[in-house]
């Protein structure tokens, strides 16, 4: 499941760089993009805090465990298309924020 998740993230943000922070893997693209981790009963993806939460609210609802956490149950198929949409939107937001900050 982690391999699939990593492939989906890299597909959605091909220039994102995988790093480690807080003891967890994450992808960086104009700042922190997406964290992920394996747990006993689920794979977690964090943070879900921007426009993607509003844009894909209906699709995210079954996986939204906390305010900014998605949990994908172990043994169930990953919603790859949804992961890609979320990552693409987060990447757009990070890029826009970086461009705006650069102009200041």
N, C-alpha and C. Protein backbone atom coordinates (compact mmCIF):
# COMPACT_ATOMS: atom_id res chain seq x y z
N UNK A 1 0.83 -1.20 0.00
CA UNK A 1 0.00 0.00 0.00
C UNK A 1 0.87 1.26 0.00
N UNK A 2 1.97 1.21 0.77
CA UNK A 2 2.85 2.38 0.80
C UNK A 2 3.49 2.63 -0.56
N UNK A 3 3.88 1.56 -1.23
CA UNK A 3 4.45 1.72 -2.57
C UNK A 3 3.44 2.37 -3.51
N UNK A 4 2.20 1.91 -3.44
CA UNK A 4 1.15 2.47 -4.29
C UNK A 4 0.94 3.95 -3.97
N UNK A 5 0.92 4.27 -2.69
CA UNK A 5 0.72 5.66 -2.27
C UNK A 5 1.88 6.53 -2.76
N UNK A 6 3.10 6.06 -2.59
CA UNK A 6 4.26 6.82 -3.06
C UNK A 6 4.20 7.01 -4.57
N UNK A 7 3.83 5.98 -5.31
CA UNK A 7 3.72 6.10 -6.77
C UNK A 7 2.66 7.13 -7.16
N UNK A 8 1.54 7.12 -6.46
CA UNK A 8 0.47 8.07 -6.75
C UNK A 8 0.93 9.50 -6.47
N UNK A 9 1.63 9.70 -5.37
CA UNK A 9 2.12 11.03 -5.03
C UNK A 9 3.13 11.50 -6.07
N UNK A 10 4.08 10.63 -6.42
CA UNK A 10 5.09 11.00 -7.41
C UNK A 10 4.47 11.26 -8.79
N UNK A 11 3.44 10.52 -9.11
CA UNK A 11 2.75 10.73 -10.38
C UNK A 11 2.07 12.10 -10.41
N UNK A 12 1.49 12.50 -9.29
CA UNK A 12 0.78 13.77 -9.21
C UNK A 12 1.72 14.96 -9.06
N UNK A 13 2.88 14.73 -8.45
CA UNK A 13 3.85 15.81 -8.24
C UNK A 13 5.24 15.26 -8.55
N UNK A 14 5.54 15.08 -9.84
CA UNK A 14 6.77 14.40 -10.23
C UNK A 14 8.07 15.06 -9.79
N UNK A 15 8.06 16.35 -9.55
CA UNK A 15 9.29 17.02 -9.13
C UNK A 15 9.39 17.15 -7.61
N UNK A 16 8.41 16.65 -6.88
CA UNK A 16 8.46 16.68 -5.42
C UNK A 16 9.60 15.78 -4.93
N UNK A 17 10.20 16.20 -3.85
CA UNK A 17 11.35 15.49 -3.30
C UNK A 17 10.95 14.78 -2.00
N UNK A 18 11.29 13.50 -1.90
CA UNK A 18 10.97 12.74 -0.69
C UNK A 18 12.01 13.05 0.38
N UNK A 19 11.52 13.33 1.58
CA UNK A 19 12.37 13.68 2.72
C UNK A 19 11.81 13.03 3.97
N UNK A 20 12.49 13.25 5.09
CA UNK A 20 12.03 12.77 6.39
C UNK A 20 11.94 13.97 7.33
N UNK A 21 10.84 14.05 8.06
CA UNK A 21 10.66 15.09 9.06
C UNK A 21 9.75 14.53 10.15
N UNK A 22 10.01 14.88 11.39
CA UNK A 22 9.25 14.34 12.51
C UNK A 22 9.27 12.80 12.48
N UNK A 23 10.34 12.22 11.94
CA UNK A 23 10.46 10.77 11.86
C UNK A 23 9.53 10.13 10.85
N UNK A 24 8.98 10.93 9.96
CA UNK A 24 8.04 10.43 8.95
C UNK A 24 8.48 10.85 7.56
N UNK A 25 8.18 10.01 6.55
CA UNK A 25 8.46 10.44 5.18
C UNK A 25 7.45 11.50 4.73
N UNK A 26 7.95 12.41 3.92
CA UNK A 26 7.04 13.40 3.34
C UNK A 26 7.62 13.85 2.01
N UNK A 27 6.79 14.48 1.23
CA UNK A 27 7.22 15.05 -0.04
C UNK A 27 7.23 16.56 0.09
N UNK A 28 8.29 17.14 -0.44
CA UNK A 28 8.43 18.59 -0.42
C UNK A 28 8.30 19.12 -1.84
N UNK A 29 7.50 20.15 -1.98
CA UNK A 29 7.34 20.86 -3.24
C UNK A 29 6.92 22.27 -2.87
N UNK A 30 7.83 23.22 -3.00
CA UNK A 30 7.59 24.57 -2.53
C UNK A 30 7.13 24.54 -1.08
N UNK A 31 7.80 23.78 -0.29
CA UNK A 31 7.44 23.59 1.12
C UNK A 31 6.93 22.17 1.33
N UNK A 32 6.38 21.93 2.48
CA UNK A 32 5.89 20.59 2.81
C UNK A 32 4.60 20.31 2.03
N UNK A 33 4.60 19.20 1.34
CA UNK A 33 3.46 18.87 0.50
C UNK A 33 2.55 17.85 1.19
N UNK A 34 3.05 16.63 1.38
CA UNK A 34 2.24 15.55 1.96
C UNK A 34 3.13 14.65 2.81
N UNK A 35 2.69 14.37 4.02
CA UNK A 35 3.30 13.36 4.89
C UNK A 35 2.51 12.07 4.73
N UNK A 36 3.14 10.95 5.02
CA UNK A 36 2.42 9.68 5.01
C UNK A 36 3.11 8.71 5.95
N UNK A 37 2.36 7.72 6.40
CA UNK A 37 2.94 6.74 7.30
C UNK A 37 2.08 5.50 7.43
N UNK A 38 2.73 4.40 7.79
CA UNK A 38 2.04 3.13 7.99
C UNK A 38 1.73 2.95 9.46
N UNK A 39 0.55 2.48 9.73
CA UNK A 39 0.10 2.19 11.09
C UNK A 39 -0.46 0.77 11.10
N UNK A 40 -0.80 0.29 12.24
CA UNK A 40 -1.26 -1.09 12.36
C UNK A 40 -2.47 -1.39 11.47
N UNK A 41 -3.44 -0.51 11.46
CA UNK A 41 -4.69 -0.77 10.75
C UNK A 41 -4.96 0.14 9.56
N UNK A 42 -4.06 1.09 9.33
CA UNK A 42 -4.30 2.02 8.23
C UNK A 42 -2.99 2.66 7.75
N UNK A 43 -3.09 3.29 6.59
CA UNK A 43 -2.03 4.14 6.06
C UNK A 43 -2.55 5.57 6.22
N UNK A 44 -1.75 6.42 6.82
CA UNK A 44 -2.17 7.80 7.04
C UNK A 44 -1.55 8.74 6.02
N UNK A 45 -2.28 9.79 5.69
CA UNK A 45 -1.78 10.84 4.80
C UNK A 45 -2.17 12.17 5.41
N UNK A 46 -1.20 13.09 5.53
CA UNK A 46 -1.40 14.34 6.23
C UNK A 46 -0.61 15.46 5.54
N UNK A 47 -0.87 16.70 5.74
CA UNK A 47 -2.11 17.27 6.24
C UNK A 47 -3.08 17.53 5.09
N UNK A 48 -4.30 17.49 5.39
CA UNK A 48 -5.37 17.82 4.44
C UNK A 48 -6.00 19.10 5.01
N UNK A 49 -5.44 20.24 4.60
CA UNK A 49 -5.81 21.50 5.25
C UNK A 49 -6.19 22.62 4.30
N UNK A 50 -5.99 22.43 3.03
CA UNK A 50 -6.23 23.52 2.09
C UNK A 50 -7.53 23.36 1.32
N UNK A 51 -7.52 23.93 0.12
CA UNK A 51 -8.70 23.89 -0.75
C UNK A 51 -9.14 22.48 -1.10
N UNK A 52 -8.19 21.54 -1.10
CA UNK A 52 -8.54 20.16 -1.44
C UNK A 52 -9.61 19.60 -0.50
N UNK A 53 -9.59 20.07 0.72
CA UNK A 53 -10.57 19.60 1.70
C UNK A 53 -11.99 20.02 1.30
N UNK A 54 -12.11 21.21 0.75
CA UNK A 54 -13.41 21.71 0.28
C UNK A 54 -13.78 21.11 -1.08
N UNK A 55 -12.81 21.12 -1.99
CA UNK A 55 -13.07 20.65 -3.36
C UNK A 55 -13.52 19.19 -3.41
N UNK A 56 -12.93 18.37 -2.57
CA UNK A 56 -13.19 16.92 -2.63
C UNK A 56 -13.83 16.41 -1.34
N UNK A 57 -14.58 17.26 -0.65
CA UNK A 57 -15.16 16.92 0.64
C UNK A 57 -15.95 15.61 0.62
N UNK A 58 -16.78 15.45 -0.39
CA UNK A 58 -17.62 14.25 -0.47
C UNK A 58 -16.76 12.98 -0.62
N UNK A 59 -15.75 13.06 -1.48
CA UNK A 59 -14.88 11.91 -1.72
C UNK A 59 -13.97 11.62 -0.52
N UNK A 60 -13.56 12.68 0.19
CA UNK A 60 -12.66 12.52 1.33
C UNK A 60 -13.36 12.01 2.58
N UNK A 61 -14.66 12.26 2.68
CA UNK A 61 -15.40 11.97 3.90
C UNK A 61 -15.16 10.56 4.47
N UNK A 62 -15.18 9.48 3.66
CA UNK A 62 -14.98 8.15 4.25
C UNK A 62 -13.58 7.94 4.83
N UNK A 63 -12.63 8.78 4.45
CA UNK A 63 -11.25 8.59 4.88
C UNK A 63 -10.78 9.63 5.89
N UNK A 64 -11.55 10.70 6.06
CA UNK A 64 -11.15 11.78 6.94
C UNK A 64 -11.35 11.33 8.39
N UNK A 65 -10.23 11.12 9.08
CA UNK A 65 -10.29 10.60 10.44
C UNK A 65 -10.22 11.71 11.47
N UNK A 66 -9.51 12.73 11.17
CA UNK A 66 -9.35 13.87 12.05
C UNK A 66 -9.48 15.12 11.19
N UNK A 67 -9.26 16.24 11.78
CA UNK A 67 -9.38 17.50 11.07
C UNK A 67 -8.53 17.56 9.80
N UNK A 68 -7.33 16.98 9.84
CA UNK A 68 -6.42 17.09 8.70
C UNK A 68 -5.76 15.76 8.34
N UNK A 69 -6.39 14.65 8.69
CA UNK A 69 -5.80 13.32 8.50
C UNK A 69 -6.69 12.43 7.68
N UNK A 70 -6.09 11.80 6.67
CA UNK A 70 -6.79 10.76 5.92
C UNK A 70 -6.26 9.41 6.38
N UNK A 71 -7.16 8.45 6.55
CA UNK A 71 -6.77 7.10 6.92
C UNK A 71 -7.34 6.13 5.90
N UNK A 72 -6.43 5.35 5.29
CA UNK A 72 -6.82 4.35 4.32
C UNK A 72 -6.67 2.98 4.98
N UNK A 73 -7.76 2.26 5.22
CA UNK A 73 -7.69 0.98 5.93
C UNK A 73 -6.81 -0.04 5.20
N UNK A 74 -5.99 -0.72 5.98
CA UNK A 74 -5.13 -1.78 5.44
C UNK A 74 -6.02 -2.87 4.85
N UNK A 75 -5.62 -3.35 3.69
CA UNK A 75 -6.37 -4.43 3.04
C UNK A 75 -7.45 -3.98 2.10
N UNK A 76 -7.74 -2.68 2.08
CA UNK A 76 -8.72 -2.14 1.15
C UNK A 76 -7.99 -1.37 0.05
N UNK A 77 -8.56 -1.30 -1.13
CA UNK A 77 -7.88 -0.58 -2.22
C UNK A 77 -7.71 0.90 -1.89
N UNK A 78 -6.55 1.42 -2.25
CA UNK A 78 -6.31 2.85 -2.09
C UNK A 78 -7.11 3.63 -3.15
N UNK A 79 -7.67 4.76 -2.78
CA UNK A 79 -8.36 5.60 -3.77
C UNK A 79 -7.32 6.43 -4.53
N UNK A 80 -6.62 5.79 -5.44
CA UNK A 80 -5.48 6.41 -6.14
C UNK A 80 -5.88 7.71 -6.83
N UNK A 81 -6.99 7.72 -7.53
CA UNK A 81 -7.42 8.94 -8.24
C UNK A 81 -7.63 10.08 -7.25
N UNK A 82 -8.21 9.79 -6.10
CA UNK A 82 -8.43 10.81 -5.08
C UNK A 82 -7.10 11.31 -4.51
N UNK A 83 -6.18 10.40 -4.23
CA UNK A 83 -4.86 10.79 -3.73
C UNK A 83 -4.19 11.75 -4.72
N UNK A 84 -4.24 11.42 -5.99
CA UNK A 84 -3.62 12.27 -7.00
C UNK A 84 -4.27 13.65 -7.05
N UNK A 85 -5.59 13.70 -6.96
CA UNK A 85 -6.28 15.00 -6.99
C UNK A 85 -5.87 15.85 -5.79
N UNK A 86 -5.81 15.23 -4.62
CA UNK A 86 -5.43 15.95 -3.40
C UNK A 86 -4.00 16.48 -3.52
N UNK A 87 -3.09 15.63 -3.95
CA UNK A 87 -1.68 16.03 -4.07
C UNK A 87 -1.53 17.15 -5.11
N UNK A 88 -2.20 17.04 -6.24
CA UNK A 88 -2.11 18.09 -7.26
C UNK A 88 -2.62 19.42 -6.73
N UNK A 89 -3.71 19.40 -5.99
CA UNK A 89 -4.25 20.64 -5.44
C UNK A 89 -3.31 21.23 -4.39
N UNK A 90 -2.75 20.37 -3.53
CA UNK A 90 -1.79 20.85 -2.52
C UNK A 90 -0.56 21.44 -3.22
N UNK A 91 -0.11 20.81 -4.29
CA UNK A 91 1.05 21.32 -5.03
C UNK A 91 0.75 22.69 -5.63
N UNK A 92 -0.45 22.85 -6.20
CA UNK A 92 -0.85 24.15 -6.76
C UNK A 92 -0.85 25.22 -5.67
N UNK A 93 -1.39 24.88 -4.51
CA UNK A 93 -1.44 25.84 -3.41
C UNK A 93 -0.03 26.22 -2.94
N UNK A 94 0.83 25.22 -2.78
CA UNK A 94 2.20 25.50 -2.34
C UNK A 94 2.92 26.40 -3.35
N UNK A 95 2.76 26.09 -4.63
CA UNK A 95 3.41 26.87 -5.67
C UNK A 95 2.88 28.31 -5.68
N UNK A 96 1.57 28.46 -5.58
CA UNK A 96 0.97 29.80 -5.57
C UNK A 96 1.44 30.60 -4.36
N UNK A 97 1.51 29.96 -3.21
CA UNK A 97 1.96 30.64 -2.00
C UNK A 97 3.42 31.09 -2.15
N UNK A 98 4.25 30.21 -2.69
CA UNK A 98 5.67 30.55 -2.90
C UNK A 98 5.83 31.70 -3.88
N UNK A 99 5.03 31.71 -4.93
CA UNK A 99 5.08 32.79 -5.93
C UNK A 99 4.65 34.10 -5.32
N UNK A 100 3.60 34.06 -4.51
CA UNK A 100 3.10 35.28 -3.84
C UNK A 100 4.14 35.81 -2.87
N UNK A 101 4.74 34.93 -2.10
CA UNK A 101 5.77 35.35 -1.12
C UNK A 101 6.99 35.91 -1.82
N UNK A 102 7.31 35.37 -2.96
CA UNK A 102 8.48 35.83 -3.73
C UNK A 102 8.28 37.26 -4.23
N UNK A 103 7.05 37.60 -4.55
CA UNK A 103 6.73 38.93 -5.07
C UNK A 103 6.82 40.01 -4.00
N UNK A 104 6.69 39.62 -2.76
CA UNK A 104 6.68 40.61 -1.67
C UNK A 104 8.01 41.18 -1.41
